[in-house]
Amino acid sequence: MTSHILKCPACGSYGLTEACSCGDVRVTPKPPKYSPEDKYAAYRRKYKEEHPEAMRRPAGGSAAAKPMPPLEAKRQGLR
């Protein structure tokens, strides 16, 4: 049996169990595998048309504006 890492969308914690300590359910953080025969493209386009606010990024949401986690900064020699 193999285990995959899961992430809680509510608190952001990672774990191997589906139940999170915050009470929410953890989900897989990986996007679906790319396929040229995308079976769900029509559903995704329809959802984008019906919910344009869900596809927008928050204001000021650039990656450069967010502070880097300490471990990542250390790897890049910034700390």
PDB file of N, CA and C in Angstrom:
ATOM      1  N   MET A   1       0.838  -1.176   0.000  1.00  0.00           N
ATOM      2  CA  MET A   1       0.000   0.000   0.000  1.00  0.00           C
ATOM      3  C   MET A   1       0.884   1.240   0.000  1.00  0.00           C
ATOM      4  N   THR A   2       0.630   2.171  -0.903  1.00  0.00           N
ATOM      5  CA  THR A   2       1.405   3.405  -0.945  1.00  0.00           C
ATOM      6  C   THR A   2       0.585   4.546  -0.369  1.00  0.00           C
ATOM      7  N   SER A   3       1.270   5.475   0.252  1.00  0.00           N
ATOM      8  CA  SER A   3       0.615   6.649   0.818  1.00  0.00           C
ATOM      9  C   SER A   3       1.045   7.876   0.038  1.00  0.00           C
ATOM     10  N   HIS A   4       0.124   8.782  -0.144  1.00  0.00           N
ATOM     11  CA  HIS A   4       0.418  10.032  -0.823  1.00  0.00           C
ATOM     12  C   HIS A   4       0.173  11.175   0.154  1.00  0.00           C
ATOM     13  N   ILE A   5       0.952  12.218   0.029  1.00  0.00           N
ATOM     14  CA  ILE A   5       0.814  13.374   0.898  1.00  0.00           C
ATOM     15  C   ILE A   5      -0.487  14.101   0.575  1.00  0.00           C
ATOM     16  N   LEU A   6      -1.162  14.570   1.594  1.00  0.00           N
ATOM     17  CA  LEU A   6      -2.420  15.292   1.453  1.00  0.00           C
ATOM     18  C   LEU A   6      -2.285  16.652   2.124  1.00  0.00           C
ATOM     19  N   LYS A   7      -3.047  17.639   1.638  1.00  0.00           N
ATOM     20  CA  LYS A   7      -2.996  18.988   2.193  1.00  0.00           C
ATOM     21  C   LYS A   7      -4.389  19.436   2.602  1.00  0.00           C
ATOM     22  N   CYS A   8      -4.461  20.075   3.753  1.00  0.00           N
ATOM     23  CA  CYS A   8      -5.732  20.611   4.243  1.00  0.00           C
ATOM     24  C   CYS A   8      -5.952  21.987   3.619  1.00  0.00           C
ATOM     25  N   PRO A   9      -7.057  22.182   2.894  1.00  0.00           N
ATOM     26  CA  PRO A   9      -7.299  23.502   2.291  1.00  0.00           C
ATOM     27  C   PRO A   9      -7.627  24.577   3.328  1.00  0.00           C
ATOM     28  N   ALA A  10      -8.101  24.183   4.510  1.00  0.00           N
ATOM     29  CA  ALA A  10      -8.489  25.166   5.524  1.00  0.00           C
ATOM     30  C   ALA A  10      -7.281  25.738   6.257  1.00  0.00           C
ATOM     31  N   CYS A  11      -6.418  24.862   6.774  1.00  0.00           N
ATOM     32  CA  CYS A  11      -5.299  25.354   7.590  1.00  0.00           C
ATOM     33  C   CYS A  11      -3.949  25.232   6.892  1.00  0.00           C
ATOM     34  N   GLY A  12      -3.878  24.491   5.786  1.00  0.00           N
ATOM     35  CA  GLY A  12      -2.635  24.384   5.029  1.00  0.00           C
ATOM     36  C   GLY A  12      -1.672  23.321   5.532  1.00  0.00           C
ATOM     37  N   SER A  13      -2.073  22.511   6.500  1.00  0.00           N
ATOM     38  CA  SER A  13      -1.176  21.484   7.018  1.00  0.00           C
ATOM     39  C   SER A  13      -1.140  20.275   6.083  1.00  0.00           C
ATOM     40  N   TYR A  14      -0.051  19.550   6.131  1.00  0.00           N
ATOM     41  CA  TYR A  14       0.126  18.356   5.318  1.00  0.00           C
ATOM     42  C   TYR A  14       0.089  17.131   6.211  1.00  0.00           C
ATOM     43  N   GLY A  15      -0.328  15.997   5.650  1.00  0.00           N
ATOM     44  CA  GLY A  15      -0.352  14.750   6.401  1.00  0.00           C
ATOM     45  C   GLY A  15      -0.686  13.584   5.496  1.00  0.00           C
ATOM     46  N   LEU A  16      -0.693  12.405   6.080  1.00  0.00           N
ATOM     47  CA  LEU A  16      -0.988  11.189   5.325  1.00  0.00           C
ATOM     48  C   LEU A  16      -2.417  10.700   5.545  1.00  0.00           C
ATOM     49  N   THR A  17      -3.105  11.247   6.535  1.00  0.00           N
ATOM     50  CA  THR A  17      -4.484  10.854   6.794  1.00  0.00           C
ATOM     51  C   THR A  17      -5.439  11.890   6.203  1.00  0.00           C
ATOM     52  N   GLU A  18      -6.634  11.471   5.863  1.00  0.00           N
ATOM     53  CA  GLU A  18      -7.617  12.386   5.283  1.00  0.00           C
ATOM     54  C   GLU A  18      -8.202  13.326   6.326  1.00  0.00           C
ATOM     55  N   ALA A  19      -8.280  12.897   7.574  1.00  0.00           N
ATOM     56  CA  ALA A  19      -8.826  13.742   8.632  1.00  0.00           C
ATOM     57  C   ALA A  19      -7.739  14.671   9.155  1.00  0.00           C
ATOM     58  N   CYS A  20      -8.050  15.960   9.205  1.00  0.00           N
ATOM     59  CA  CYS A  20      -7.107  16.965   9.694  1.00  0.00           C
ATOM     60  C   CYS A  20      -7.443  17.305  11.141  1.00  0.00           C
ATOM     61  N   SER A  21      -6.465  17.782  11.893  1.00  0.00           N
ATOM     62  CA  SER A  21      -6.704  18.142  13.288  1.00  0.00           C
ATOM     63  C   SER A  21      -7.626  19.353  13.421  1.00  0.00           C
ATOM     64  N   CYS A  22      -7.739  20.171  12.368  1.00  0.00           N
ATOM     65  CA  CYS A  22      -8.633  21.336  12.418  1.00  0.00           C
ATOM     66  C   CYS A  22     -10.088  20.946  12.167  1.00  0.00           C
ATOM     67  N   GLY A  23     -10.328  19.697  11.773  1.00  0.00           N
ATOM     68  CA  GLY A  23     -11.689  19.222  11.550  1.00  0.00           C
ATOM     69  C   GLY A  23     -12.079  19.156  10.083  1.00  0.00           C
ATOM     70  N   ASP A  24     -11.235  19.675   9.195  1.00  0.00           N
ATOM     71  CA  ASP A  24     -11.521  19.643   7.760  1.00  0.00           C
ATOM     72  C   ASP A  24     -10.953  18.354   7.158  1.00  0.00           C
ATOM     73  N   VAL A  25     -11.168  18.153   5.877  1.00  0.00           N
ATOM     74  CA  VAL A  25     -10.679  16.966   5.179  1.00  0.00           C
ATOM     75  C   VAL A  25      -9.515  17.355   4.284  1.00  0.00           C
ATOM     76  N   ARG A  26      -8.416  16.611   4.345  1.00  0.00           N
ATOM     77  CA  ARG A  26      -7.262  16.875   3.487  1.00  0.00           C
ATOM     78  C   ARG A  26      -7.509  16.312   2.092  1.00  0.00           C
ATOM     79  N   VAL A  27      -6.979  17.001   1.085  1.00  0.00           N
ATOM     80  CA  VAL A  27      -7.114  16.586  -0.305  1.00  0.00           C
ATOM     81  C   VAL A  27      -5.728  16.529  -0.938  1.00  0.00           C
ATOM     82  N   THR A  28      -5.622  15.910  -2.095  1.00  0.00           N
ATOM     83  CA  THR A  28      -4.342  15.829  -2.773  1.00  0.00           C
ATOM     84  C   THR A  28      -3.969  17.205  -3.333  1.00  0.00           C
ATOM     85  N   PRO A  29      -2.736  17.667  -3.105  1.00  0.00           N
ATOM     86  CA  PRO A  29      -2.349  19.004  -3.566  1.00  0.00           C
ATOM     87  C   PRO A  29      -1.889  19.044  -5.011  1.00  0.00           C
ATOM     88  N   LYS A  30      -1.807  17.895  -5.656  1.00  0.00           N
ATOM     89  CA  LYS A  30      -1.300  17.849  -7.023  1.00  0.00           C
ATOM     90  C   LYS A  30      -2.417  18.084  -8.039  1.00  0.00           C
ATOM     91  N   PRO A  31      -2.110  18.787  -9.122  1.00  0.00           N
ATOM     92  CA  PRO A  31      -3.117  18.961 -10.168  1.00  0.00           C
ATOM     93  C   PRO A  31      -3.314  17.657 -10.933  1.00  0.00           C
ATOM     94  N   PRO A  32      -4.406  17.518 -11.660  1.00  0.00           N
ATOM     95  CA  PRO A  32      -4.604  16.298 -12.448  1.00  0.00           C
ATOM     96  C   PRO A  32      -3.559  16.171 -13.548  1.00  0.00           C
ATOM     97  N   LYS A  33      -3.280  14.963 -13.935  1.00  0.00           N
ATOM     98  CA  LYS A  33      -2.296  14.685 -14.981  1.00  0.00           C
ATOM     99  C   LYS A  33      -2.765  15.270 -16.322  1.00  0.00           C
ATOM    100  N   TYR A  34      -1.826  15.845 -17.074  1.00  0.00           N
ATOM    101  CA  TYR A  34      -2.165  16.431 -18.375  1.00  0.00           C
ATOM    102  C   TYR A  34      -2.498  15.337 -19.378  1.00  0.00           C
ATOM    103  N   SER A  35      -3.509  15.592 -20.182  1.00  0.00           N
ATOM    104  CA  SER A  35      -3.878  14.666 -21.240  1.00  0.00           C
ATOM    105  C   SER A  35      -4.355  15.475 -22.443  1.00  0.00           C
ATOM    106  N   PRO A  36      -3.880  15.167 -23.642  1.00  0.00           N
ATOM    107  CA  PRO A  36      -4.370  15.877 -24.828  1.00  0.00           C
ATOM    108  C   PRO A  36      -5.866  15.657 -25.055  1.00  0.00           C
ATOM    109  N   GLU A  37      -6.373  14.512 -24.647  1.00  0.00           N
ATOM    110  CA  GLU A  37      -7.813  14.239 -24.742  1.00  0.00           C
ATOM    111  C   GLU A  37      -8.441  14.584 -23.395  1.00  0.00           C
ATOM    112  N   ASP A  38      -8.546  15.869 -23.103  1.00  0.00           N
ATOM    113  CA  ASP A  38      -9.057  16.336 -21.820  1.00  0.00           C
ATOM    114  C   ASP A  38     -10.567  16.140 -21.761  1.00  0.00           C
ATOM    115  N   LYS A  39     -10.995  15.183 -20.940  1.00  0.00           N
ATOM    116  CA  LYS A  39     -12.417  14.853 -20.849  1.00  0.00           C
ATOM    117  C   LYS A  39     -13.224  15.934 -20.125  1.00  0.00           C
ATOM    118  N   TYR A  40     -12.564  16.733 -19.294  1.00  0.00           N
ATOM    119  CA  TYR A  40     -13.282  17.677 -18.447  1.00  0.00           C
ATOM    120  C   TYR A  40     -13.110  19.138 -18.879  1.00  0.00           C
ATOM    121  N   ALA A  41     -12.518  19.392 -20.037  1.00  0.00           N
ATOM    122  CA  ALA A  41     -12.281  20.762 -20.501  1.00  0.00           C
ATOM    123  C   ALA A  41     -13.587  21.526 -20.675  1.00  0.00           C
ATOM    124  N   ALA A  42     -14.600  20.891 -21.204  1.00  0.00           N
ATOM    125  CA  ALA A  42     -15.887  21.563 -21.414  1.00  0.00           C
ATOM    126  C   ALA A  42     -16.498  21.981 -20.073  1.00  0.00           C
ATOM    127  N   TYR A  43     -16.402  21.126 -19.057  1.00  0.00           N
ATOM    128  CA  TYR A  43     -16.919  21.458 -17.733  1.00  0.00           C
ATOM    129  C   TYR A  43     -16.148  22.623 -17.127  1.00  0.00           C
ATOM    130  N   ARG A  44     -14.827  22.620 -17.283  1.00  0.00           N
ATOM    131  CA  ARG A  44     -13.989  23.678 -16.742  1.00  0.00           C
ATOM    132  C   ARG A  44     -14.298  25.022 -17.411  1.00  0.00           C
ATOM    133  N   ARG A  45     -14.459  25.017 -18.728  1.00  0.00           N
ATOM    134  CA  ARG A  45     -14.797  26.256 -19.442  1.00  0.00           C
ATOM    135  C   ARG A  45     -16.168  26.773 -19.021  1.00  0.00           C
ATOM    136  N   LYS A  46     -17.120  25.867 -18.865  1.00  0.00           N
ATOM    137  CA  LYS A  46     -18.462  26.274 -18.444  1.00  0.00           C
ATOM    138  C   LYS A  46     -18.423  26.869 -17.037  1.00  0.00           C
ATOM    139  N   TYR A  47     -17.650  26.277 -16.147  1.00  0.00           N
ATOM    140  CA  TYR A  47     -17.527  26.787 -14.787  1.00  0.00           C
ATOM    141  C   TYR A  47     -16.886  28.174 -14.794  1.00  0.00           C
ATOM    142  N   LYS A  48     -15.865  28.372 -15.630  1.00  0.00           N
ATOM    143  CA  LYS A  48     -15.206  29.676 -15.733  1.00  0.00           C
ATOM    144  C   LYS A  48     -16.181  30.746 -16.206  1.00  0.00           C
ATOM    145  N   GLU A  49     -17.062  30.400 -17.151  1.00  0.00           N
ATOM    146  CA  GLU A  49     -18.046  31.359 -17.649  1.00  0.00           C
ATOM    147  C   GLU A  49     -19.077  31.705 -16.578  1.00  0.00           C
ATOM    148  N   GLU A  50     -19.502  30.705 -15.815  1.00  0.00           N
ATOM    149  CA  GLU A  50     -20.533  30.925 -14.810  1.00  0.00           C
ATOM    150  C   GLU A  50     -19.985  31.546 -13.521  1.00  0.00           C
ATOM    151  N   HIS A  51     -18.698  31.332 -13.225  1.00  0.00           N
ATOM    152  CA  HIS A  51     -18.094  31.822 -11.983  1.00  0.00           C
ATOM    153  C   HIS A  51     -16.784  32.555 -12.283  1.00  0.00           C
ATOM    154  N   PRO A  52     -16.846  33.726 -12.915  1.00  0.00           N
ATOM    155  CA  PRO A  52     -15.600  34.425 -13.247  1.00  0.00           C
ATOM    156  C   PRO A  52     -14.826  34.876 -12.009  1.00  0.00           C
ATOM    157  N   GLU A  53     -15.518  35.115 -10.889  1.00  0.00           N
ATOM    158  CA  GLU A  53     -14.826  35.551  -9.672  1.00  0.00           C
ATOM    159  C   GLU A  53     -13.972  34.442  -9.073  1.00  0.00           C
ATOM    160  N   ALA A  54     -14.312  33.194  -9.329  1.00  0.00           N
ATOM    161  CA  ALA A  54     -13.556  32.073  -8.773  1.00  0.00           C
ATOM    162  C   ALA A  54     -12.212  31.898  -9.469  1.00  0.00           C
ATOM    163  N   MET A  55     -12.078  32.406 -10.678  1.00  0.00           N
ATOM    164  CA  MET A  55     -10.847  32.235 -11.435  1.00  0.00           C
ATOM    165  C   MET A  55      -9.886  33.412 -11.286  1.00  0.00           C
ATOM    166  N   ARG A  56     -10.337  34.499 -10.655  1.00  0.00           N
ATOM    167  CA  ARG A  56      -9.474  35.659 -10.475  1.00  0.00           C
ATOM    168  C   ARG A  56      -8.518  35.446  -9.324  1.00  0.00           C
ATOM    169  N   ARG A  57      -7.319  35.982  -9.473  1.00  0.00           N
ATOM    170  CA  ARG A  57      -6.353  35.943  -8.385  1.00  0.00           C
ATOM    171  C   ARG A  57      -6.612  37.120  -7.465  1.00  0.00           C
ATOM    172  N   PRO A  58      -6.297  36.955  -6.168  1.00  0.00           N
ATOM    173  CA  PRO A  58      -6.499  38.069  -5.253  1.00  0.00           C
ATOM    174  C   PRO A  58      -5.582  39.240  -5.599  1.00  0.00           C
ATOM    175  N   ALA A  59      -6.011  40.452  -5.245  1.00  0.00           N
ATOM    176  CA  ALA A  59      -5.215  41.644  -5.539  1.00  0.00           C
ATOM    177  C   ALA A  59      -3.873  41.557  -4.833  1.00  0.00           C
ATOM    178  N   GLY A  60      -2.823  41.895  -5.545  1.00  0.00           N
ATOM    179  CA  GLY A  60      -1.479  41.852  -4.966  1.00  0.00           C
ATOM    180  C   GLY A  60      -0.994  40.438  -4.724  1.00  0.00           C
ATOM    181  N   GLY A  61      -1.490  39.492  -5.468  1.00  0.00           N
ATOM    182  CA  GLY A  61      -1.161  38.095  -5.235  1.00  0.00           C
ATOM    183  C   GLY A  61       0.052  37.597  -5.986  1.00  0.00           C
ATOM    184  N   SER A  62       0.974  38.472  -6.323  1.00  0.00           N
ATOM    185  CA  SER A  62       2.153  38.008  -7.048  1.00  0.00           C
ATOM    186  C   SER A  62       3.057  37.230  -6.109  1.00  0.00           C
ATOM    187  N   ALA A  63       3.807  36.320  -6.659  1.00  0.00           N
ATOM    188  CA  ALA A  63       4.689  35.480  -5.861  1.00  0.00           C
ATOM    189  C   ALA A  63       5.800  36.310  -5.212  1.00  0.00           C
ATOM    190  N   ALA A  64       6.205  37.406  -5.847  1.00  0.00           N
ATOM    191  CA  ALA A  64       7.280  38.221  -5.304  1.00  0.00           C
ATOM    192  C   ALA A  64       6.847  38.978  -4.056  1.00  0.00           C
ATOM    193  N   ALA A  65       5.555  39.266  -3.923  1.00  0.00           N
ATOM    194  CA  ALA A  65       5.072  40.037  -2.787  1.00  0.00           C
ATOM    195  C   ALA A  65       4.964  39.195  -1.519  1.00  0.00           C
ATOM    196  N   LYS A  66       4.836  37.898  -1.644  1.00  0.00           N
ATOM    197  CA  LYS A  66       4.686  37.036  -0.482  1.00  0.00           C
ATOM    198  C   LYS A  66       6.063  36.685   0.081  1.00  0.00           C
ATOM    199  N   PRO A  67       6.189  36.665   1.409  1.00  0.00           N
ATOM    200  CA  PRO A  67       7.478  36.280   1.986  1.00  0.00           C
ATOM    201  C   PRO A  67       7.756  34.801   1.735  1.00  0.00           C
ATOM    202  N   MET A  68       9.006  34.494   1.507  1.00  0.00           N
ATOM    203  CA  MET A  68       9.412  33.130   1.239  1.00  0.00           C
ATOM    204  C   MET A  68       9.500  32.348   2.542  1.00  0.00           C
ATOM    205  N   PRO A  69       9.130  31.083   2.546  1.00  0.00           N
ATOM    206  CA  PRO A  69       9.323  30.278   3.750  1.00  0.00           C
ATOM    207  C   PRO A  69      10.819  30.244   4.092  1.00  0.00           C
ATOM    208  N   PRO A  70      11.162  30.168   5.381  1.00  0.00           N
ATOM    209  CA  PRO A  70      12.569  30.227   5.782  1.00  0.00           C
ATOM    210  C   PRO A  70      13.452  29.171   5.126  1.00  0.00           C
ATOM    211  N   LEU A  71      12.957  27.960   4.976  1.00  0.00           N
ATOM    212  CA  LEU A  71      13.768  26.903   4.387  1.00  0.00           C
ATOM    213  C   LEU A  71      14.072  27.203   2.926  1.00  0.00           C
ATOM    214  N   GLU A  72      13.087  27.699   2.179  1.00  0.00           N
ATOM    215  CA  GLU A  72      13.293  28.026   0.780  1.00  0.00           C
ATOM    216  C   GLU A  72      14.264  29.199   0.648  1.00  0.00           C
ATOM    217  N   ALA A  73      14.146  30.190   1.506  1.00  0.00           N
ATOM    218  CA  ALA A  73      15.076  31.329   1.477  1.00  0.00           C
ATOM    219  C   ALA A  73      16.491  30.881   1.775  1.00  0.00           C
ATOM    220  N   LYS A  74      16.632  29.951   2.703  1.00  0.00           N
ATOM    221  CA  LYS A  74      17.960  29.441   3.053  1.00  0.00           C
ATOM    222  C   LYS A  74      18.566  28.681   1.881  1.00  0.00           C
ATOM    223  N   ARG A  75      17.746  27.901   1.170  1.00  0.00           N
ATOM    224  CA  ARG A  75      18.245  27.157   0.014  1.00  0.00           C
ATOM    225  C   ARG A  75      18.742  28.097  -1.071  1.00  0.00           C
ATOM    226  N   GLN A  76      18.087  29.243  -1.214  1.00  0.00           N
ATOM    227  CA  GLN A  76      18.478  30.189  -2.247  1.00  0.00           C
ATOM    228  C   GLN A  76      19.572  31.132  -1.774  1.00  0.00           C
ATOM    229  N   GLY A  77      20.048  30.963  -0.547  1.00  0.00           N
ATOM    230  CA  GLY A  77      21.136  31.768  -0.026  1.00  0.00           C
ATOM    231  C   GLY A  77      20.733  33.172   0.362  1.00  0.00           C
ATOM    232  N   LEU A  78      19.452  33.378   0.669  1.00  0.00           N
ATOM    233  CA  LEU A  78      18.976  34.705   1.037  1.00  0.00           C
ATOM    234  C   LEU A  78      19.049  34.955   2.520  1.00  0.00           C
ATOM    235  N   ARG A  79      19.227  33.917   3.303  1.00  0.00           N
ATOM    236  CA  ARG A  79      19.303  34.094   4.773  1.00  0.00           C
ATOM    237  C   ARG A  79      20.534  33.416   5.291  1.00  0.00           C
TER     238      ARG A  79
END
